[in-house]
C-alpha cells in the first residue's frame, strides 16, 4: 500500500508522545512529584490504551494493567492517590 512507509501505529504514537515530553509534562502538572513507584510513561500508556473495546474499566483493573506493564507491585494508596483531587 505505502511502499516506503514502515511506520506502525505504535511508532506514530511514540513519536507524538515521546518519553521525555511525558515525564516533563507529568512534573509540570503535578502528576508526579518525585519518580518512585509510578512511572509517568507507563501510566500514560496504560490509561490511554487499556480501554480498548471495553468502555468501562475500574481503577483496580487499571492498577493490575499498570503493575503488569511496569513489572512492579504498588500499594493501593500509591495508585488511588493519583486519582484524587
C-alpha atoms as a PDB file:
ATOM      1  CA  UNK A   1       0.000   0.000   0.000  1.00  0.00           C
ATOM      2  CA  UNK A   2       2.672   2.525   1.079  1.00  0.00           C
ATOM      3  CA  UNK A   3       5.947   1.003  -0.170  1.00  0.00           C
ATOM      4  CA  UNK A   4       8.270   3.425   1.650  1.00  0.00           C
ATOM      5  CA  UNK A   5       6.367   3.564   4.904  1.00  0.00           C
ATOM      6  CA  UNK A   6       7.339   1.058   7.571  1.00  0.00           C
ATOM      7  CA  UNK A   7       5.919   3.024  10.484  1.00  0.00           C
ATOM      8  CA  UNK A   8       3.476   1.310  12.780  1.00  0.00           C
ATOM      9  CA  UNK A   9       0.728   2.858  14.836  1.00  0.00           C
ATOM     10  CA  UNK A  10       2.891   2.338  17.909  1.00  0.00           C
ATOM     11  CA  UNK A  11       5.790   4.199  16.267  1.00  0.00           C
ATOM     12  CA  UNK A  12       3.487   7.078  15.366  1.00  0.00           C
ATOM     13  CA  UNK A  13       2.076   7.301  18.889  1.00  0.00           C
ATOM     14  CA  UNK A  14       5.544   7.192  20.440  1.00  0.00           C
ATOM     15  CA  UNK A  15       6.612   9.968  18.089  1.00  0.00           C
ATOM     16  CA  UNK A  16       3.587  12.062  19.090  1.00  0.00           C
ATOM     17  CA  UNK A  17       4.143  11.435  22.812  1.00  0.00           C
ATOM     18  CA  UNK A  18       7.884  10.989  23.426  1.00  0.00           C
ATOM     19  CA  UNK A  19       9.010   9.752  26.846  1.00  0.00           C
ATOM     20  CA  UNK A  20      10.872  12.967  27.647  1.00  0.00           C
ATOM     21  CA  UNK A  21       7.765  15.056  26.980  1.00  0.00           C
ATOM     22  CA  UNK A  22       5.566  12.728  29.055  1.00  0.00           C
ATOM     23  CA  UNK A  23       7.972  12.892  32.007  1.00  0.00           C
ATOM     24  CA  UNK A  24       8.309  16.678  31.832  1.00  0.00           C
ATOM     25  CA  UNK A  25       4.555  17.187  31.495  1.00  0.00           C
ATOM     26  CA  UNK A  26       3.923  14.860  34.455  1.00  0.00           C
ATOM     27  CA  UNK A  27       6.232  17.004  36.603  1.00  0.00           C
ATOM     28  CA  UNK A  28       4.782  20.307  35.369  1.00  0.00           C
ATOM     29  CA  UNK A  29       1.201  19.238  36.011  1.00  0.00           C
ATOM     30  CA  UNK A  30       1.909  17.719  39.424  1.00  0.00           C
ATOM     31  CA  UNK A  31       1.041  14.145  38.414  1.00  0.00           C
ATOM     32  CA  UNK A  32       4.490  13.102  39.544  1.00  0.00           C
ATOM     33  CA  UNK A  33       6.204  14.959  42.342  1.00  0.00           C
ATOM     34  CA  UNK A  34       9.094  12.516  42.578  1.00  0.00           C
ATOM     35  CA  UNK A  35       9.547   9.407  40.494  1.00  0.00           C
ATOM     36  CA  UNK A  36       9.438   6.467  42.813  1.00  0.00           C
ATOM     37  CA  UNK A  37       6.728   3.929  42.200  1.00  0.00           C
ATOM     38  CA  UNK A  38       4.597   5.447  39.438  1.00  0.00           C
ATOM     39  CA  UNK A  39       6.330   5.850  36.088  1.00  0.00           C
ATOM     40  CA  UNK A  40       4.560   8.627  34.149  1.00  0.00           C
ATOM     41  CA  UNK A  41       5.297   6.966  30.813  1.00  0.00           C
ATOM     42  CA  UNK A  42       3.793   3.639  31.844  1.00  0.00           C
ATOM     43  CA  UNK A  43       0.721   5.221  33.466  1.00  0.00           C
ATOM     44  CA  UNK A  44       0.115   7.311  30.328  1.00  0.00           C
ATOM     45  CA  UNK A  45       0.145   4.273  28.038  1.00  0.00           C
ATOM     46  CA  UNK A  46      -1.926   2.142  30.413  1.00  0.00           C
ATOM     47  CA  UNK A  47      -4.583   4.849  30.732  1.00  0.00           C
ATOM     48  CA  UNK A  48      -4.502   5.618  27.012  1.00  0.00           C
ATOM     49  CA  UNK A  49      -4.526   2.094  25.619  1.00  0.00           C
ATOM     50  CA  UNK A  50      -6.259  -0.007  28.275  1.00  0.00           C
ATOM     51  CA  UNK A  51      -9.785   0.988  27.424  1.00  0.00           C
ATOM     52  CA  UNK A  52      -9.884  -0.789  24.063  1.00  0.00           C
ATOM     53  CA  UNK A  53     -13.211  -2.467  23.406  1.00  0.00           C
ATOM     54  CA  UNK A  54     -14.436  -2.183  26.995  1.00  0.00           C
ATOM     55  CA  UNK A  55     -15.514   1.355  27.720  1.00  0.00           C
ATOM     56  CA  UNK A  56     -15.847   0.933  31.472  1.00  0.00           C
ATOM     57  CA  UNK A  57     -12.790  -0.007  33.473  1.00  0.00           C
ATOM     58  CA  UNK A  58     -12.248   0.013  37.185  1.00  0.00           C
ATOM     59  CA  UNK A  59      -9.301   1.636  38.882  1.00  0.00           C
ATOM     60  CA  UNK A  60      -8.417  -1.801  40.243  1.00  0.00           C
ATOM     61  CA  UNK A  61      -8.187  -3.298  36.748  1.00  0.00           C
ATOM     62  CA  UNK A  62      -6.119  -0.340  35.543  1.00  0.00           C
ATOM     63  CA  UNK A  63      -3.823  -0.860  38.554  1.00  0.00           C
ATOM     64  CA  UNK A  64      -3.359  -4.516  37.572  1.00  0.00           C
ATOM     65  CA  UNK A  65      -2.531  -3.458  33.995  1.00  0.00           C
ATOM     66  CA  UNK A  66      -0.032  -0.906  35.283  1.00  0.00           C
ATOM     67  CA  UNK A  67       1.636  -3.447  37.568  1.00  0.00           C
ATOM     68  CA  UNK A  68       1.894  -5.908  34.689  1.00  0.00           C
ATOM     69  CA  UNK A  69       3.393  -3.338  32.276  1.00  0.00           C
ATOM     70  CA  UNK A  70       5.753  -1.786  34.837  1.00  0.00           C
ATOM     71  CA  UNK A  71       6.628  -5.139  36.404  1.00  0.00           C
ATOM     72  CA  UNK A  72       6.065  -3.540  39.826  1.00  0.00           C
ATOM     73  CA  UNK A  73       3.636  -4.082  42.669  1.00  0.00           C
ATOM     74  CA  UNK A  74       2.006  -0.941  44.035  1.00  0.00           C
ATOM     75  CA  UNK A  75       0.229  -0.315  47.281  1.00  0.00           C
ATOM     76  CA  UNK A  76      -3.396   0.671  46.811  1.00  0.00           C
ATOM     77  CA  UNK A  77      -2.688   4.086  48.319  1.00  0.00           C
ATOM     78  CA  UNK A  78       0.101   4.792  45.771  1.00  0.00           C
ATOM     79  CA  UNK A  79      -2.286   4.076  42.932  1.00  0.00           C
ATOM     80  CA  UNK A  80      -5.537   5.609  44.151  1.00  0.00           C
ATOM     81  CA  UNK A  81      -3.787   8.791  45.319  1.00  0.00           C
ATOM     82  CA  UNK A  82      -3.191   9.639  41.628  1.00  0.00           C
ATOM     83  CA  UNK A  83      -6.951   9.773  41.030  1.00  0.00           C
ATOM     84  CA  UNK A  84      -7.996  12.004  43.909  1.00  0.00           C
ATOM     85  CA  UNK A  85      -8.131  15.810  43.788  1.00  0.00           C
END
